[in-house]
C-alpha atoms as a PDB file:
ATOM      1  CA  MET A   1     156.573  99.252 -61.640  1.00  0.00           C
ATOM      2  CA  MET A   2     159.163 101.619 -63.049  1.00  0.00           C
ATOM      3  CA  ALA A   3     162.501 101.735 -61.216  1.00  0.00           C
ATOM      4  CA  ARG A   4     164.406 104.911 -60.500  1.00  0.00           C
ATOM      5  CA  PHE A   5     166.052 106.705 -63.399  1.00  0.00           C
ATOM      6  CA  SER A   6     169.795 106.367 -63.933  1.00  0.00           C
ATOM      7  CA  ASP A   7     170.375 110.047 -64.720  1.00  0.00           C
ATOM      8  CA  ILE A   8     168.687 113.246 -65.878  1.00  0.00           C
ATOM      9  CA  ASN A   9     168.805 112.087 -69.509  1.00  0.00           C
ATOM     10  CA  ASP A  10     166.572 109.143 -68.566  1.00  0.00           C
ATOM     11  CA  VAL A  11     164.149 111.623 -67.021  1.00  0.00           C
ATOM     12  CA  ILE A  12     164.155 113.759 -70.171  1.00  0.00           C
ATOM     13  CA  ASN A  13     163.485 110.731 -72.363  1.00  0.00           C
ATOM     14  CA  PHE A  14     160.637 109.627 -70.091  1.00  0.00           C
ATOM     15  CA  ILE A  15     158.969 113.056 -70.202  1.00  0.00           C
ATOM     16  CA  ASN A  16     159.445 113.412 -73.961  1.00  0.00           C
ATOM     17  CA  ASN A  17     157.888 109.997 -74.599  1.00  0.00           C
ATOM     18  CA  ARG A  18     154.953 110.733 -72.311  1.00  0.00           C
ATOM     19  CA  ALA A  19     154.323 114.022 -74.093  1.00  0.00           C
ATOM     20  CA  LEU A  20     154.411 112.272 -77.469  1.00  0.00           C
ATOM     21  CA  ASP A  21     152.068 109.520 -76.263  1.00  0.00           C
ATOM     22  CA  LEU A  22     149.514 111.666 -74.419  1.00  0.00           C
ATOM     23  CA  GLY A  23     149.720 115.051 -76.089  1.00  0.00           C
ATOM     24  CA  ASN A  24     147.583 117.785 -74.556  1.00  0.00           C
ATOM     25  CA  ASP A  25     146.322 115.699 -71.626  1.00  0.00           C
ATOM     26  CA  ILE A  26     146.520 116.498 -67.907  1.00  0.00           C
ATOM     27  CA  ARG A  27     148.444 113.228 -67.439  1.00  0.00           C
ATOM     28  CA  THR A  28     151.195 114.535 -69.716  1.00  0.00           C
ATOM     29  CA  ALA A  29     152.329 116.755 -66.831  1.00  0.00           C
ATOM     30  CA  GLY A  30     152.183 113.805 -64.422  1.00  0.00           C
ATOM     31  CA  TRP A  31     148.946 114.770 -62.665  1.00  0.00           C
ATOM     32  CA  SER A  32     145.867 112.597 -62.258  1.00  0.00           C
ATOM     33  CA  SER A  33     143.373 115.467 -62.541  1.00  0.00           C
ATOM     34  CA  GLN A  34     143.087 119.194 -63.099  1.00  0.00           C
ATOM     35  CA  GLU A  35     141.640 119.482 -59.584  1.00  0.00           C
ATOM     36  CA  SER A  36     144.808 118.130 -57.977  1.00  0.00           C
ATOM     37  CA  GLN A  37     146.978 120.304 -60.207  1.00  0.00           C
ATOM     38  CA  ASP A  38     144.953 123.394 -59.290  1.00  0.00           C
ATOM     39  CA  LEU A  39     145.267 122.581 -55.597  1.00  0.00           C
ATOM     40  CA  ARG A  40     149.036 122.588 -56.023  1.00  0.00           C
ATOM     41  CA  PHE A  41     148.862 125.917 -57.832  1.00  0.00           C
ATOM     42  CA  ASP A  42     146.655 127.287 -55.032  1.00  0.00           C
ATOM     43  CA  TYR A  43     149.432 126.705 -52.519  1.00  0.00           C
ATOM     44  CA  LEU A  44     152.253 127.802 -54.801  1.00  0.00           C
ATOM     45  CA  CYS A  45     150.547 131.116 -55.597  1.00  0.00           C
ATOM     46  CA  ARG A  46     148.725 131.902 -52.364  1.00  0.00           C
ATOM     47  CA  ASP A  47     151.403 134.131 -50.798  1.00  0.00           C
ATOM     48  CA  PHE A  48     152.134 136.258 -53.867  1.00  0.00           C
ATOM     49  CA  ASP A  49     150.222 138.953 -55.738  1.00  0.00           C
ATOM     50  CA  LEU A  50     150.988 137.871 -59.308  1.00  0.00           C
ATOM     51  CA  SER A  51     149.068 140.562 -61.216  1.00  0.00           C
ATOM     52  CA  GLY A  52     151.465 142.773 -63.143  1.00  0.00           C
ATOM     53  CA  LYS A  53     154.455 140.612 -62.221  1.00  0.00           C
ATOM     54  CA  THR A  54     157.145 138.932 -64.300  1.00  0.00           C
ATOM     55  CA  MET A  55     157.371 135.268 -63.393  1.00  0.00           C
ATOM     56  CA  LEU A  56     159.336 132.164 -64.339  1.00  0.00           C
ATOM     57  CA  ASP A  57     157.653 128.747 -64.405  1.00  0.00           C
ATOM     58  CA  VAL A  58     160.432 126.190 -63.857  1.00  0.00           C
ATOM     59  CA  GLY A  59     159.533 122.877 -65.449  1.00  0.00           C
ATOM     60  CA  CYS A  60     156.542 124.518 -67.096  1.00  0.00           C
ATOM     61  CA  GLY A  61     155.222 121.352 -68.750  1.00  0.00           C
ATOM     62  CA  LYS A  62     152.293 122.297 -70.997  1.00  0.00           C
ATOM     63  CA  GLY A  63     152.083 125.813 -69.564  1.00  0.00           C
ATOM     64  CA  ASP A  64     149.057 124.992 -67.402  1.00  0.00           C
ATOM     65  CA  LEU A  65     149.961 127.720 -64.915  1.00  0.00           C
ATOM     66  CA  ILE A  66     148.874 130.278 -67.535  1.00  0.00           C
ATOM     67  CA  ARG A  67     145.401 128.729 -67.703  1.00  0.00           C
ATOM     68  CA  TYR A  68     145.206 128.675 -63.892  1.00  0.00           C
ATOM     69  CA  LEU A  69     146.150 132.360 -63.588  1.00  0.00           C
ATOM     70  CA  GLY A  70     143.625 133.364 -66.237  1.00  0.00           C
ATOM     71  CA  ASP A  71     140.861 131.402 -64.515  1.00  0.00           C
ATOM     72  CA  ARG A  72     141.548 133.346 -61.321  1.00  0.00           C
ATOM     73  CA  GLY A  73     141.624 136.775 -62.875  1.00  0.00           C
ATOM     74  CA  VAL A  74     145.362 137.404 -62.589  1.00  0.00           C
ATOM     75  CA  SER A  75     146.117 140.048 -65.200  1.00  0.00           C
ATOM     76  CA  CYS A  76     148.926 141.951 -66.919  1.00  0.00           C
ATOM     77  CA  PHE A  77     151.586 139.406 -66.004  1.00  0.00           C
ATOM     78  CA  ASN A  78     154.641 138.456 -68.036  1.00  0.00           C
ATOM     79  CA  TYR A  79     155.265 134.723 -68.130  1.00  0.00           C
ATOM     80  CA  PHE A  80     158.410 132.786 -68.974  1.00  0.00           C
ATOM     81  CA  GLY A  81     158.257 128.996 -69.031  1.00  0.00           C
ATOM     82  CA  ILE A  82     161.252 126.677 -69.203  1.00  0.00           C
ATOM     83  CA  ASP A  83     161.368 122.891 -69.447  1.00  0.00           C
ATOM     84  CA  ILE A  84     164.066 120.279 -70.051  1.00  0.00           C
ATOM     85  CA  SER A  85     161.644 118.406 -72.332  1.00  0.00           C
ATOM     86  CA  GLU A  86     161.658 119.599 -75.929  1.00  0.00           C
ATOM     87  CA  GLN A  87     158.321 117.876 -76.518  1.00  0.00           C
ATOM     88  CA  MET A  88     156.724 119.774 -73.637  1.00  0.00           C
ATOM     89  CA  ILE A  89     157.921 123.067 -75.081  1.00  0.00           C
ATOM     90  CA  ASN A  90     156.566 122.017 -78.479  1.00  0.00           C
ATOM     91  CA  LEU A  91     153.132 121.500 -76.877  1.00  0.00           C
ATOM     92  CA  CYS A  92     153.324 124.948 -75.273  1.00  0.00           C
ATOM     93  CA  GLN A  93     154.192 126.605 -78.557  1.00  0.00           C
ATOM     94  CA  GLN A  94     151.441 124.738 -80.396  1.00  0.00           C
ATOM     95  CA  ASN A  95     148.698 125.491 -77.860  1.00  0.00           C
ATOM     96  CA  ILE A  96     149.576 128.870 -76.329  1.00  0.00           C
ATOM     97  CA  ASN A  97     149.875 131.973 -78.467  1.00  0.00           C
ATOM     98  CA  LEU A  98     149.896 134.925 -76.097  1.00  0.00           C
ATOM     99  CA  PRO A  99     152.027 138.084 -76.306  1.00  0.00           C
ATOM    100  CA  ASN A 100     152.878 137.843 -72.599  1.00  0.00           C
ATOM    101  CA  ALA A 101     154.124 134.217 -72.710  1.00  0.00           C
ATOM    102  CA  THR A 102     157.582 133.026 -73.795  1.00  0.00           C
ATOM    103  CA  PHE A 103     158.880 129.451 -73.634  1.00  0.00           C
ATOM    104  CA  PHE A 104     162.433 128.101 -73.468  1.00  0.00           C
ATOM    105  CA  HIS A 105     163.818 124.585 -73.881  1.00  0.00           C
ATOM    106  CA  GLY A 106     166.601 123.956 -71.371  1.00  0.00           C
ATOM    107  CA  ASN A 107     167.341 124.397 -67.680  1.00  0.00           C
ATOM    108  CA  ILE A 108     167.699 127.372 -65.386  1.00  0.00           C
ATOM    109  CA  PHE A 109     171.423 126.861 -64.822  1.00  0.00           C
ATOM    110  CA  ASP A 110     172.446 127.441 -68.436  1.00  0.00           C
ATOM    111  CA  ARG A 111     170.241 130.410 -69.327  1.00  0.00           C
ATOM    112  CA  GLU A 112     169.972 134.047 -68.355  1.00  0.00           C
ATOM    113  CA  PHE A 113     166.528 135.579 -67.910  1.00  0.00           C
ATOM    114  CA  PRO A 114     165.008 139.053 -67.976  1.00  0.00           C
ATOM    115  CA  GLU A 115     164.434 140.628 -64.576  1.00  0.00           C
ATOM    116  CA  LEU A 116     162.084 138.315 -62.663  1.00  0.00           C
ATOM    117  CA  ASP A 117     159.808 139.062 -59.739  1.00  0.00           C
ATOM    118  CA  ILE A 118     158.829 135.497 -58.852  1.00  0.00           C
ATOM    119  CA  ALA A 119     159.729 131.921 -59.821  1.00  0.00           C
ATOM    120  CA  ILE A 120     157.409 128.936 -59.371  1.00  0.00           C
ATOM    121  CA  LEU A 121     158.132 125.214 -59.643  1.00  0.00           C
ATOM    122  CA  SER A 122     155.517 122.454 -59.537  1.00  0.00           C
ATOM    123  CA  GLY A 123     156.408 118.774 -59.687  1.00  0.00           C
ATOM    124  CA  THR A 124     159.713 119.224 -61.488  1.00  0.00           C
ATOM    125  CA  LEU A 125     161.860 117.768 -58.700  1.00  0.00           C
ATOM    126  CA  SER A 126     159.846 114.560 -58.283  1.00  0.00           C
ATOM    127  CA  TYR A 127     161.997 112.168 -60.331  1.00  0.00           C
ATOM    128  CA  LYS A 128     164.523 109.918 -58.575  1.00  0.00           C
ATOM    129  CA  TYR A 129     168.015 109.701 -60.060  1.00  0.00           C
ATOM    130  CA  ASP A 130     171.541 109.824 -58.620  1.00  0.00           C
ATOM    131  CA  GLN A 131     171.895 113.618 -58.543  1.00  0.00           C
ATOM    132  CA  ALA A 132     168.266 114.453 -57.749  1.00  0.00           C
ATOM    133  CA  ILE A 133     168.755 115.784 -54.209  1.00  0.00           C
ATOM    134  CA  GLU A 134     171.872 117.762 -55.104  1.00  0.00           C
ATOM    135  CA  ASN A 135     170.069 119.209 -58.110  1.00  0.00           C
ATOM    136  CA  ALA A 136     167.062 120.155 -55.956  1.00  0.00           C
ATOM    137  CA  ARG A 137     169.233 122.233 -53.659  1.00  0.00           C
ATOM    138  CA  ARG A 138     170.962 123.936 -56.593  1.00  0.00           C
ATOM    139  CA  THR A 139     167.545 124.671 -58.097  1.00  0.00           C
ATOM    140  CA  ILE A 140     166.288 126.381 -54.938  1.00  0.00           C
ATOM    141  CA  GLU A 141     169.439 128.487 -54.743  1.00  0.00           C
ATOM    142  CA  ARG A 142     169.326 129.446 -58.424  1.00  0.00           C
ATOM    143  CA  MET A 143     165.626 130.336 -58.381  1.00  0.00           C
ATOM    144  CA  PHE A 144     166.064 132.493 -55.300  1.00  0.00           C
ATOM    145  CA  ALA A 145     169.107 134.254 -56.741  1.00  0.00           C
ATOM    146  CA  ILE A 146     167.378 135.353 -59.966  1.00  0.00           C
ATOM    147  CA  THR A 147     164.162 136.732 -58.446  1.00  0.00           C
ATOM    148  CA  LYS A 148     163.344 140.030 -56.737  1.00  0.00           C
ATOM    149  CA  GLU A 149     160.430 138.927 -54.547  1.00  0.00           C
ATOM    150  CA  GLY A 150     160.764 135.201 -53.959  1.00  0.00           C
ATOM    151  CA  ILE A 151     159.998 131.666 -55.054  1.00  0.00           C
ATOM    152  CA  ALA A 152     157.521 128.839 -54.502  1.00  0.00           C
ATOM    153  CA  LEU A 153     158.258 125.133 -54.939  1.00  0.00           C
ATOM    154  CA  ASN A 154     156.631 121.823 -54.108  1.00  0.00           C
ATOM    155  CA  PHE A 155     158.189 118.488 -53.179  1.00  0.00           C
ATOM    156  CA  LEU A 156     156.980 114.968 -52.598  1.00  0.00           C
ATOM    157  CA  SER A 157     157.147 114.356 -48.842  1.00  0.00           C
ATOM    158  CA  THR A 158     158.829 111.558 -46.898  1.00  0.00           C
ATOM    159  CA  VAL A 159     156.045 111.872 -44.297  1.00  0.00           C
ATOM    160  CA  VAL A 160     153.791 109.496 -46.222  1.00  0.00           C
ATOM    161  CA  ASP A 161     152.826 105.827 -46.123  1.00  0.00           C
ATOM    162  CA  PHE A 162     153.539 105.129 -49.801  1.00  0.00           C
ATOM    163  CA  GLU A 163     156.297 105.968 -52.316  1.00  0.00           C
ATOM    164  CA  LEU A 164     156.801 104.889 -55.921  1.00  0.00           C
ATOM    165  CA  GLU A 165     160.336 103.757 -56.736  1.00  0.00           C
ATOM    166  CA  LYS A 166     160.617 106.267 -59.599  1.00  0.00           C
ATOM    167  CA  ASN A 167     159.722 109.230 -57.356  1.00  0.00           C
ATOM    168  CA  GLN A 168     162.078 111.323 -55.248  1.00  0.00           C
ATOM    169  CA  HIS A 169     160.619 112.188 -51.837  1.00  0.00           C
ATOM    170  CA  TYR A 170     162.149 114.859 -49.592  1.00  0.00           C
ATOM    171  CA  ASN A 171     162.342 115.322 -45.849  1.00  0.00           C
ATOM    172  CA  PRO A 172     160.460 118.587 -45.123  1.00  0.00           C
ATOM    173  CA  SER A 173     162.908 119.420 -42.326  1.00  0.00           C
ATOM    174  CA  VAL A 174     165.846 119.252 -44.715  1.00  0.00           C
ATOM    175  CA  ILE A 175     164.159 121.506 -47.279  1.00  0.00           C
ATOM    176  CA  LEU A 176     163.262 123.941 -44.497  1.00  0.00           C
ATOM    177  CA  ASP A 177     166.895 124.030 -43.355  1.00  0.00           C
ATOM    178  CA  TRP A 178     168.112 124.722 -46.891  1.00  0.00           C
ATOM    179  CA  SER A 179     165.548 127.493 -47.259  1.00  0.00           C
ATOM    180  CA  LEU A 180     166.431 129.167 -43.978  1.00  0.00           C
ATOM    181  CA  GLU A 181     170.032 129.410 -45.120  1.00  0.00           C
ATOM    182  CA  LEU A 182     168.795 131.724 -47.890  1.00  0.00           C
ATOM    183  CA  THR A 183     166.173 133.789 -46.034  1.00  0.00           C
ATOM    184  CA  ARG A 184     164.353 133.958 -42.722  1.00  0.00           C
ATOM    185  CA  ASN A 185     161.097 134.608 -44.571  1.00  0.00           C
ATOM    186  CA  VAL A 186     160.086 130.971 -45.201  1.00  0.00           C
ATOM    187  CA  THR A 187     156.642 129.333 -45.098  1.00  0.00           C
ATOM    188  CA  LEU A 188     156.074 125.579 -45.407  1.00  0.00           C
ATOM    189  CA  TYR A 189     152.632 124.080 -46.102  1.00  0.00           C
ATOM    190  CA  HIS A 190     152.210 120.367 -45.364  1.00  0.00           C
ATOM    191  CA  SER A 191     148.520 120.212 -44.463  1.00  0.00           C
ATOM    192  CA  TYR A 192     146.819 119.818 -47.843  1.00  0.00           C
ATOM    193  CA  PRO A 193     145.608 116.332 -48.885  1.00  0.00           C
ATOM    194  CA  LEU A 194     148.387 115.273 -51.270  1.00  0.00           C
ATOM    195  CA  TYR A 195     151.655 113.365 -50.799  1.00  0.00           C
ATOM    196  CA  GLU A 196     153.682 116.557 -50.822  1.00  0.00           C
ATOM    197  CA  PHE A 197     154.460 119.949 -49.323  1.00  0.00           C
ATOM    198  CA  THR A 198     155.009 123.483 -50.603  1.00  0.00           C
ATOM    199  CA  VAL A 199     157.750 125.900 -49.572  1.00  0.00           C
ATOM    200  CA  ILE A 200     157.609 129.668 -50.068  1.00  0.00           C
ATOM    201  CA  LEU A 201     160.801 131.732 -49.806  1.00  0.00           C
ATOM    202  CA  LYS A 202     160.534 135.525 -49.829  1.00  0.00           C
ATOM    203  CA  LYS A 203     163.251 138.154 -49.971  1.00  0.00           C
END
């Protein structure tokens, strides 16, 4: 079993190698099936009307959110995807050629973006390393600061009976407290059948 990562560079190397090994496979993004990935997207997107909006996908992986939105008839949106993995961005650029989709290699702290309505993050904060929890809080704050309408994120939960050593789990109460420091308009979903929860913060 893989131990925790020593730092964010270990995480980047792990993701790059997985992308090189698996290519355009659902497992490349760390999910066991498209059904489980779509369930996550259901909760991340359920409280926003995304048609006609400009959105940022933080830790975009292979850009699967674009496929999900198209399958559900979301139209006329502008999509920006960013990922710390260069190999993930390479897959996006190889497989997605749409005028409304732009991809960046890097992180949200070092880049400025066009005016954004909404930011979404799925699975990106699930790796355990020394600065993971501190980085998660900074990520929430940064995402909320650069959007007009709000953000949606998911986290592995500590309210489970099983954790892998490489995964960072979060106490839902702590994430709720962080969120309420930014806005009173917070919704937390913990009832769906995965080892995680989703938090929605609106302006």
